[in-house]
């Protein structure tokens, strides 16, 4: 038996009593047919490029202009983790985080557009 908190015991009992059920044959193919559709949207590809390309350009510019600073920050972060200091402090550039987030969002929209492609 798994060690479960007292508040979660009833929940665990209910879900533990439900037998696993395999999805019906052809379920995945039916879902992929619905996702793919007949055409892929040019709007999705344009949106993916609009999100990803400026982010990639900014990240490339940031790494070329301030690459040494980023390398030092990464080295400090690795040193802090290796030493295990409790009072560790480091800063993260917010624009860099936003650029990575927009790049990830662009990749998500682009992959969805590629999934829909016939």
C-alpha atoms as a PDB file:
ATOM      1  CA  UNK A   1       0.000   0.000   0.000  1.00  0.00           C
ATOM      2  CA  UNK A   2       1.207   3.463  -0.858  1.00  0.00           C
ATOM      3  CA  UNK A   3       1.666   5.897   1.990  1.00  0.00           C
ATOM      4  CA  UNK A   4      -1.267   8.289   1.462  1.00  0.00           C
ATOM      5  CA  UNK A   5      -2.293  11.268   3.531  1.00  0.00           C
ATOM      6  CA  UNK A   6      -5.476  10.765   5.563  1.00  0.00           C
ATOM      7  CA  UNK A   7      -7.341  13.412   3.553  1.00  0.00           C
ATOM      8  CA  UNK A   8      -6.474  11.672   0.293  1.00  0.00           C
ATOM      9  CA  UNK A   9      -7.294   8.104   1.366  1.00  0.00           C
ATOM     10  CA  UNK A  10     -10.915   8.130   0.134  1.00  0.00           C
ATOM     11  CA  UNK A  11      -9.859   9.640  -3.183  1.00  0.00           C
ATOM     12  CA  UNK A  12      -7.142   7.004  -3.546  1.00  0.00           C
ATOM     13  CA  UNK A  13      -9.587   4.190  -2.731  1.00  0.00           C
ATOM     14  CA  UNK A  14     -12.127   5.353  -5.341  1.00  0.00           C
ATOM     15  CA  UNK A  15      -9.596   5.715  -8.130  1.00  0.00           C
ATOM     16  CA  UNK A  16      -7.799   2.534  -7.132  1.00  0.00           C
ATOM     17  CA  UNK A  17     -10.991   0.519  -7.550  1.00  0.00           C
ATOM     18  CA  UNK A  18     -11.546   1.613 -11.169  1.00  0.00           C
ATOM     19  CA  UNK A  19     -10.106  -0.994 -13.559  1.00  0.00           C
ATOM     20  CA  UNK A  20      -7.881   0.307 -16.380  1.00  0.00           C
ATOM     21  CA  UNK A  21      -9.564   0.349 -19.776  1.00  0.00           C
ATOM     22  CA  UNK A  22      -7.670   0.301 -23.055  1.00  0.00           C
ATOM     23  CA  UNK A  23      -8.805   2.818 -25.673  1.00  0.00           C
ATOM     24  CA  UNK A  24     -10.800   1.304 -28.541  1.00  0.00           C
ATOM     25  CA  UNK A  25      -9.011   0.104 -31.655  1.00  0.00           C
ATOM     26  CA  UNK A  26      -8.568   2.985 -34.085  1.00  0.00           C
ATOM     27  CA  UNK A  27      -8.923   5.660 -31.398  1.00  0.00           C
ATOM     28  CA  UNK A  28      -5.537   7.241 -32.111  1.00  0.00           C
ATOM     29  CA  UNK A  29      -6.147   7.250 -35.869  1.00  0.00           C
ATOM     30  CA  UNK A  30      -9.540   8.911 -35.380  1.00  0.00           C
ATOM     31  CA  UNK A  31      -8.061  11.615 -33.166  1.00  0.00           C
ATOM     32  CA  UNK A  32      -5.208  12.289 -35.586  1.00  0.00           C
ATOM     33  CA  UNK A  33      -7.694  12.536 -38.489  1.00  0.00           C
ATOM     34  CA  UNK A  34      -9.627  15.182 -36.571  1.00  0.00           C
ATOM     35  CA  UNK A  35      -6.457  17.083 -35.636  1.00  0.00           C
ATOM     36  CA  UNK A  36      -5.017  17.025 -39.132  1.00  0.00           C
ATOM     37  CA  UNK A  37      -8.099  18.221 -40.945  1.00  0.00           C
ATOM     38  CA  UNK A  38      -7.984  18.817 -44.681  1.00  0.00           C
ATOM     39  CA  UNK A  39      -5.701  21.827 -44.876  1.00  0.00           C
ATOM     40  CA  UNK A  40      -3.077  23.412 -42.723  1.00  0.00           C
ATOM     41  CA  UNK A  41      -3.418  26.988 -41.761  1.00  0.00           C
ATOM     42  CA  UNK A  42      -1.065  29.556 -43.245  1.00  0.00           C
ATOM     43  CA  UNK A  43      -2.048  31.808 -40.352  1.00  0.00           C
ATOM     44  CA  UNK A  44      -0.555  29.334 -37.883  1.00  0.00           C
ATOM     45  CA  UNK A  45       2.720  29.195 -39.771  1.00  0.00           C
ATOM     46  CA  UNK A  46       2.835  32.997 -39.996  1.00  0.00           C
ATOM     47  CA  UNK A  47       2.110  33.287 -36.269  1.00  0.00           C
ATOM     48  CA  UNK A  48       4.808  30.732 -35.441  1.00  0.00           C
ATOM     49  CA  UNK A  49       7.338  32.636 -37.542  1.00  0.00           C
ATOM     50  CA  UNK A  50       6.247  35.975 -36.056  1.00  0.00           C
ATOM     51  CA  UNK A  51       6.840  34.605 -32.562  1.00  0.00           C
ATOM     52  CA  UNK A  52       9.987  32.597 -33.197  1.00  0.00           C
ATOM     53  CA  UNK A  53      12.077  34.693 -35.598  1.00  0.00           C
ATOM     54  CA  UNK A  54      12.306  37.901 -33.523  1.00  0.00           C
ATOM     55  CA  UNK A  55      13.028  35.813 -30.435  1.00  0.00           C
ATOM     56  CA  UNK A  56      15.784  33.925 -32.246  1.00  0.00           C
ATOM     57  CA  UNK A  57      17.230  37.191 -33.555  1.00  0.00           C
ATOM     58  CA  UNK A  58      17.227  38.715 -30.070  1.00  0.00           C
ATOM     59  CA  UNK A  59      18.785  35.612 -28.523  1.00  0.00           C
ATOM     60  CA  UNK A  60      21.492  35.529 -31.210  1.00  0.00           C
ATOM     61  CA  UNK A  61      22.203  39.241 -30.685  1.00  0.00           C
ATOM     62  CA  UNK A  62      22.244  38.822 -26.898  1.00  0.00           C
ATOM     63  CA  UNK A  63      24.601  35.841 -27.031  1.00  0.00           C
ATOM     64  CA  UNK A  64      26.993  37.602 -29.412  1.00  0.00           C
ATOM     65  CA  UNK A  65      27.039  40.918 -27.547  1.00  0.00           C
ATOM     66  CA  UNK A  66      26.882  39.632 -23.972  1.00  0.00           C
ATOM     67  CA  UNK A  67      27.993  36.031 -24.340  1.00  0.00           C
ATOM     68  CA  UNK A  68      30.823  36.405 -21.835  1.00  0.00           C
ATOM     69  CA  UNK A  69      28.415  37.759 -19.209  1.00  0.00           C
ATOM     70  CA  UNK A  70      26.046  34.862 -19.810  1.00  0.00           C
ATOM     71  CA  UNK A  71      28.928  32.397 -19.603  1.00  0.00           C
ATOM     72  CA  UNK A  72      30.035  33.922 -16.284  1.00  0.00           C
ATOM     73  CA  UNK A  73      26.464  33.830 -14.933  1.00  0.00           C
ATOM     74  CA  UNK A  74      26.117  30.170 -15.915  1.00  0.00           C
ATOM     75  CA  UNK A  75      29.481  29.387 -14.312  1.00  0.00           C
ATOM     76  CA  UNK A  76      28.409  31.160 -11.108  1.00  0.00           C
ATOM     77  CA  UNK A  77      25.146  29.238 -11.105  1.00  0.00           C
ATOM     78  CA  UNK A  78      26.954  25.908 -11.508  1.00  0.00           C
ATOM     79  CA  UNK A  79      29.398  26.854  -8.749  1.00  0.00           C
ATOM     80  CA  UNK A  80      26.539  27.805  -6.425  1.00  0.00           C
ATOM     81  CA  UNK A  81      24.812  24.481  -7.066  1.00  0.00           C
ATOM     82  CA  UNK A  82      27.991  22.485  -6.572  1.00  0.00           C
ATOM     83  CA  UNK A  83      28.873  24.215  -3.309  1.00  0.00           C
ATOM     84  CA  UNK A  84      25.284  24.104  -2.054  1.00  0.00           C
ATOM     85  CA  UNK A  85      25.231  27.593  -0.626  1.00  0.00           C
ATOM     86  CA  UNK A  86      22.022  28.412   1.170  1.00  0.00           C
ATOM     87  CA  UNK A  87      22.393  32.150   0.623  1.00  0.00           C
ATOM     88  CA  UNK A  88      22.955  31.931  -3.136  1.00  0.00           C
ATOM     89  CA  UNK A  89      21.835  34.876  -5.254  1.00  0.00           C
ATOM     90  CA  UNK A  90      21.840  35.335  -8.988  1.00  0.00           C
ATOM     91  CA  UNK A  91      19.810  37.463 -11.358  1.00  0.00           C
ATOM     92  CA  UNK A  92      18.026  36.544 -14.559  1.00  0.00           C
ATOM     93  CA  UNK A  93      17.350  39.023 -17.337  1.00  0.00           C
ATOM     94  CA  UNK A  94      13.586  39.251 -17.777  1.00  0.00           C
ATOM     95  CA  UNK A  95      13.770  40.014 -21.492  1.00  0.00           C
ATOM     96  CA  UNK A  96      15.799  36.839 -21.991  1.00  0.00           C
ATOM     97  CA  UNK A  97      13.109  34.806 -20.235  1.00  0.00           C
ATOM     98  CA  UNK A  98      10.404  36.410 -22.380  1.00  0.00           C
ATOM     99  CA  UNK A  99      12.410  35.653 -25.541  1.00  0.00           C
ATOM    100  CA  UNK A 100      12.707  31.981 -24.555  1.00  0.00           C
ATOM    101  CA  UNK A 101       8.988  31.867 -23.727  1.00  0.00           C
ATOM    102  CA  UNK A 102       8.012  33.381 -27.089  1.00  0.00           C
ATOM    103  CA  UNK A 103      10.368  31.003 -28.856  1.00  0.00           C
ATOM    104  CA  UNK A 104       8.694  28.061 -27.109  1.00  0.00           C
ATOM    105  CA  UNK A 105       5.250  29.396 -27.960  1.00  0.00           C
ATOM    106  CA  UNK A 106       6.256  29.818 -31.596  1.00  0.00           C
ATOM    107  CA  UNK A 107       7.571  26.259 -31.656  1.00  0.00           C
ATOM    108  CA  UNK A 108       4.290  25.020 -30.180  1.00  0.00           C
ATOM    109  CA  UNK A 109       2.169  26.829 -32.765  1.00  0.00           C
ATOM    110  CA  UNK A 110       4.490  25.690 -35.567  1.00  0.00           C
ATOM    111  CA  UNK A 111       4.358  22.067 -34.485  1.00  0.00           C
ATOM    112  CA  UNK A 112       0.561  22.252 -34.351  1.00  0.00           C
ATOM    113  CA  UNK A 113       0.532  23.618 -37.893  1.00  0.00           C
ATOM    114  CA  UNK A 114       2.792  20.788 -39.036  1.00  0.00           C
ATOM    115  CA  UNK A 115       0.536  18.203 -37.361  1.00  0.00           C
ATOM    116  CA  UNK A 116      -2.443  19.553 -39.269  1.00  0.00           C
ATOM    117  CA  UNK A 117      -0.609  19.325 -42.574  1.00  0.00           C
ATOM    118  CA  UNK A 118      -2.146  16.678 -44.841  1.00  0.00           C
END
